[in-house]
Amino acid sequence: MTEDQPITIRDLYPRMTEEELAVAEANLKRYVAVLVRIYDRLQAECKPWPKPVNRVDLTLSGDESNIRHERSNSP
């Protein structure tokens, strides 16, 4: 993939079947549609997009991003 090409769902999930990719793409489109509806509503009401209550680093390391005592964590 070059810099000029957009990232596709298949790029993100290369091991998914065609059916799984179709579901993932449909879910993404619905999610974006909800965000657009929220944005349009805020614009119509002359309200700003809400600011985050507290900043969270979305690039936490693997150890910091786990929830303690969860089944998915290794012992």
N, C-alpha and C. Protein backbone atom coordinates (compact mmCIF):
# COMPACT_ATOMS: atom_id res chain seq x y z
N MET A 1 0.85 -1.18 0.00
CA MET A 1 0.00 0.00 0.00
C MET A 1 0.89 1.24 0.00
N THR A 2 0.57 2.20 -0.87
CA THR A 2 1.32 3.44 -0.94
C THR A 2 0.58 4.51 -0.15
N GLU A 3 1.24 5.63 0.03
CA GLU A 3 0.64 6.73 0.79
C GLU A 3 -0.59 7.30 0.09
N ASP A 4 -0.68 7.16 -1.22
CA ASP A 4 -1.81 7.71 -1.98
C ASP A 4 -3.07 6.86 -1.87
N GLN A 5 -2.93 5.61 -1.46
CA GLN A 5 -4.08 4.72 -1.39
C GLN A 5 -4.73 4.80 -0.01
N PRO A 6 -6.05 4.86 0.04
CA PRO A 6 -6.72 4.87 1.35
C PRO A 6 -6.64 3.50 2.01
N ILE A 7 -6.73 3.49 3.32
CA ILE A 7 -6.75 2.24 4.09
C ILE A 7 -8.14 1.64 3.95
N THR A 8 -8.22 0.35 3.70
CA THR A 8 -9.50 -0.33 3.56
C THR A 8 -9.77 -1.18 4.79
N ILE A 9 -11.01 -1.63 4.90
CA ILE A 9 -11.37 -2.55 5.99
C ILE A 9 -10.50 -3.80 5.91
N ARG A 10 -10.25 -4.29 4.70
CA ARG A 10 -9.41 -5.49 4.53
C ARG A 10 -8.00 -5.24 5.05
N ASP A 11 -7.47 -4.02 4.88
CA ASP A 11 -6.14 -3.70 5.42
C ASP A 11 -6.13 -3.81 6.94
N LEU A 12 -7.22 -3.40 7.56
CA LEU A 12 -7.30 -3.44 9.02
C LEU A 12 -7.52 -4.85 9.54
N TYR A 13 -8.29 -5.64 8.80
CA TYR A 13 -8.64 -6.99 9.24
C TYR A 13 -8.36 -8.00 8.12
N PRO A 14 -7.10 -8.27 7.85
CA PRO A 14 -6.76 -9.11 6.70
C PRO A 14 -7.21 -10.57 6.83
N ARG A 15 -7.48 -11.05 8.01
CA ARG A 15 -7.87 -12.45 8.19
C ARG A 15 -9.38 -12.67 8.20
N MET A 16 -10.16 -11.62 8.06
CA MET A 16 -11.61 -11.77 8.07
C MET A 16 -12.10 -12.31 6.73
N THR A 17 -13.20 -13.03 6.80
CA THR A 17 -13.84 -13.51 5.58
C THR A 17 -14.59 -12.35 4.93
N GLU A 18 -15.05 -12.57 3.70
CA GLU A 18 -15.82 -11.54 3.00
C GLU A 18 -17.08 -11.17 3.79
N GLU A 19 -17.73 -12.16 4.37
CA GLU A 19 -18.95 -11.90 5.15
C GLU A 19 -18.63 -11.06 6.39
N GLU A 20 -17.55 -11.40 7.08
CA GLU A 20 -17.15 -10.64 8.27
C GLU A 20 -16.77 -9.21 7.89
N LEU A 21 -16.09 -9.05 6.78
CA LEU A 21 -15.72 -7.71 6.32
C LEU A 21 -16.96 -6.89 5.98
N ALA A 22 -17.96 -7.53 5.39
CA ALA A 22 -19.20 -6.82 5.06
C ALA A 22 -19.89 -6.33 6.33
N VAL A 23 -19.90 -7.16 7.36
CA VAL A 23 -20.51 -6.77 8.65
C VAL A 23 -19.71 -5.63 9.27
N ALA A 24 -18.39 -5.74 9.26
CA ALA A 24 -17.54 -4.69 9.84
C ALA A 24 -17.74 -3.36 9.11
N GLU A 25 -17.82 -3.42 7.79
CA GLU A 25 -18.03 -2.20 7.02
C GLU A 25 -19.40 -1.58 7.30
N ALA A 26 -20.43 -2.42 7.40
CA ALA A 26 -21.77 -1.92 7.72
C ALA A 26 -21.79 -1.28 9.10
N ASN A 27 -21.13 -1.90 10.06
CA ASN A 27 -21.07 -1.33 11.42
C ASN A 27 -20.35 0.01 11.41
N LEU A 28 -19.26 0.11 10.67
CA LEU A 28 -18.51 1.37 10.59
C LEU A 28 -19.37 2.46 9.96
N LYS A 29 -20.10 2.12 8.91
CA LYS A 29 -20.96 3.11 8.27
C LYS A 29 -22.05 3.58 9.22
N ARG A 30 -22.64 2.68 10.00
CA ARG A 30 -23.67 3.09 10.97
C ARG A 30 -23.07 3.98 12.05
N TYR A 31 -21.87 3.66 12.52
CA TYR A 31 -21.20 4.46 13.53
C TYR A 31 -20.94 5.87 13.01
N VAL A 32 -20.43 5.98 11.80
CA VAL A 32 -20.17 7.30 11.21
C VAL A 32 -21.47 8.06 11.02
N ALA A 33 -22.52 7.37 10.62
CA ALA A 33 -23.82 8.03 10.44
C ALA A 33 -24.31 8.63 11.75
N VAL A 34 -24.11 7.92 12.86
CA VAL A 34 -24.51 8.45 14.17
C VAL A 34 -23.69 9.69 14.51
N LEU A 35 -22.39 9.64 14.25
CA LEU A 35 -21.55 10.81 14.52
C LEU A 35 -21.98 12.01 13.68
N VAL A 36 -22.33 11.78 12.43
CA VAL A 36 -22.78 12.88 11.56
C VAL A 36 -24.09 13.45 12.08
N ARG A 37 -25.00 12.58 12.53
CA ARG A 37 -26.27 13.07 13.08
C ARG A 37 -26.05 13.91 14.33
N ILE A 38 -25.12 13.48 15.18
CA ILE A 38 -24.81 14.25 16.40
C ILE A 38 -24.23 15.60 15.99
N TYR A 39 -23.28 15.59 15.07
CA TYR A 39 -22.66 16.84 14.62
C TYR A 39 -23.70 17.78 14.01
N ASP A 40 -24.55 17.25 13.13
CA ASP A 40 -25.59 18.08 12.49
C ASP A 40 -26.53 18.68 13.52
N ARG A 41 -26.89 17.89 14.52
CA ARG A 41 -27.80 18.38 15.56
C ARG A 41 -27.15 19.50 16.36
N LEU A 42 -25.87 19.31 16.72
CA LEU A 42 -25.16 20.36 17.45
C LEU A 42 -25.05 21.63 16.63
N GLN A 43 -24.78 21.48 15.34
CA GLN A 43 -24.70 22.65 14.47
C GLN A 43 -26.04 23.37 14.39
N ALA A 44 -27.12 22.60 14.25
CA ALA A 44 -28.47 23.18 14.15
C ALA A 44 -28.84 23.93 15.42
N GLU A 45 -28.35 23.46 16.56
CA GLU A 45 -28.65 24.09 17.83
C GLU A 45 -27.59 25.12 18.23
N CYS A 46 -26.65 25.39 17.31
CA CYS A 46 -25.57 26.36 17.56
C CYS A 46 -24.77 26.02 18.80
N LYS A 47 -24.54 24.75 19.00
CA LYS A 47 -23.74 24.30 20.15
C LYS A 47 -22.42 23.75 19.66
N PRO A 48 -21.35 23.91 20.46
CA PRO A 48 -20.05 23.37 20.05
C PRO A 48 -19.97 21.87 20.30
N TRP A 49 -19.04 21.24 19.60
CA TRP A 49 -18.76 19.83 19.85
C TRP A 49 -18.24 19.72 21.28
N PRO A 50 -18.73 18.76 22.09
CA PRO A 50 -18.28 18.66 23.48
C PRO A 50 -16.78 18.38 23.59
N LYS A 51 -16.17 19.02 24.55
CA LYS A 51 -14.76 18.75 24.83
C LYS A 51 -14.68 17.56 25.79
N PRO A 52 -13.61 16.78 25.70
CA PRO A 52 -13.46 15.64 26.62
C PRO A 52 -13.41 16.13 28.06
N VAL A 53 -14.00 15.35 28.97
CA VAL A 53 -13.98 15.72 30.38
C VAL A 53 -12.56 15.64 30.92
N ASN A 54 -11.88 14.57 30.61
CA ASN A 54 -10.48 14.45 31.00
C ASN A 54 -9.72 13.79 29.87
N ARG A 55 -8.53 14.26 29.64
CA ARG A 55 -7.73 13.74 28.53
C ARG A 55 -7.23 12.34 28.88
N VAL A 56 -7.36 11.43 27.96
CA VAL A 56 -6.89 10.07 28.15
C VAL A 56 -5.89 9.77 27.04
N ASP A 57 -4.75 9.24 27.44
CA ASP A 57 -3.75 8.86 26.45
C ASP A 57 -4.20 7.58 25.77
N LEU A 58 -4.54 7.67 24.49
CA LEU A 58 -5.03 6.51 23.76
C LEU A 58 -3.90 5.63 23.25
N THR A 59 -2.67 5.97 23.60
CA THR A 59 -1.53 5.18 23.15
C THR A 59 -0.84 4.51 24.32
N LEU A 60 -1.61 4.02 25.28
CA LEU A 60 -1.03 3.36 26.44
C LEU A 60 -0.33 2.08 26.03
N SER A 61 0.68 1.71 26.79
CA SER A 61 1.35 0.45 26.49
C SER A 61 0.41 -0.70 26.80
N GLY A 62 0.74 -1.89 26.34
CA GLY A 62 -0.08 -3.07 26.54
C GLY A 62 -0.36 -3.35 28.01
N ASP A 63 0.64 -3.19 28.85
CA ASP A 63 0.46 -3.45 30.28
C ASP A 63 -0.48 -2.44 30.93
N GLU A 64 -0.39 -1.19 30.52
CA GLU A 64 -1.21 -0.14 31.12
C GLU A 64 -2.65 -0.17 30.63
N SER A 65 -2.88 -0.80 29.47
CA SER A 65 -4.23 -0.77 28.91
C SER A 65 -5.11 -1.92 29.38
N ASN A 66 -4.56 -2.87 30.10
CA ASN A 66 -5.34 -4.00 30.58
C ASN A 66 -6.09 -3.66 31.86
N ILE A 67 -7.22 -4.29 32.02
CA ILE A 67 -8.00 -4.14 33.24
C ILE A 67 -7.61 -5.28 34.17
N ARG A 68 -7.26 -4.96 35.37
CA ARG A 68 -6.82 -6.00 36.31
C ARG A 68 -7.95 -6.99 36.58
N HIS A 69 -7.56 -8.21 36.81
CA HIS A 69 -8.45 -9.30 37.18
C HIS A 69 -9.43 -9.65 36.06
N GLU A 70 -9.08 -9.34 34.81
CA GLU A 70 -9.92 -9.72 33.68
C GLU A 70 -9.43 -11.06 33.15
N ARG A 71 -10.35 -11.84 32.60
CA ARG A 71 -10.00 -13.17 32.08
C ARG A 71 -8.99 -13.08 30.94
N SER A 72 -9.03 -12.02 30.16
CA SER A 72 -8.18 -11.93 29.00
C SER A 72 -6.72 -11.63 29.35
N ASN A 73 -6.48 -11.20 30.59
CA ASN A 73 -5.11 -10.90 31.00
C ASN A 73 -4.38 -12.18 31.34
N SER A 74 -3.12 -12.21 30.98
CA SER A 74 -2.33 -13.37 31.36
C SER A 74 -1.95 -13.27 32.83
N PRO A 75 -1.76 -14.42 33.51
CA PRO A 75 -1.48 -14.40 34.96
C PRO A 75 -0.19 -13.72 35.32
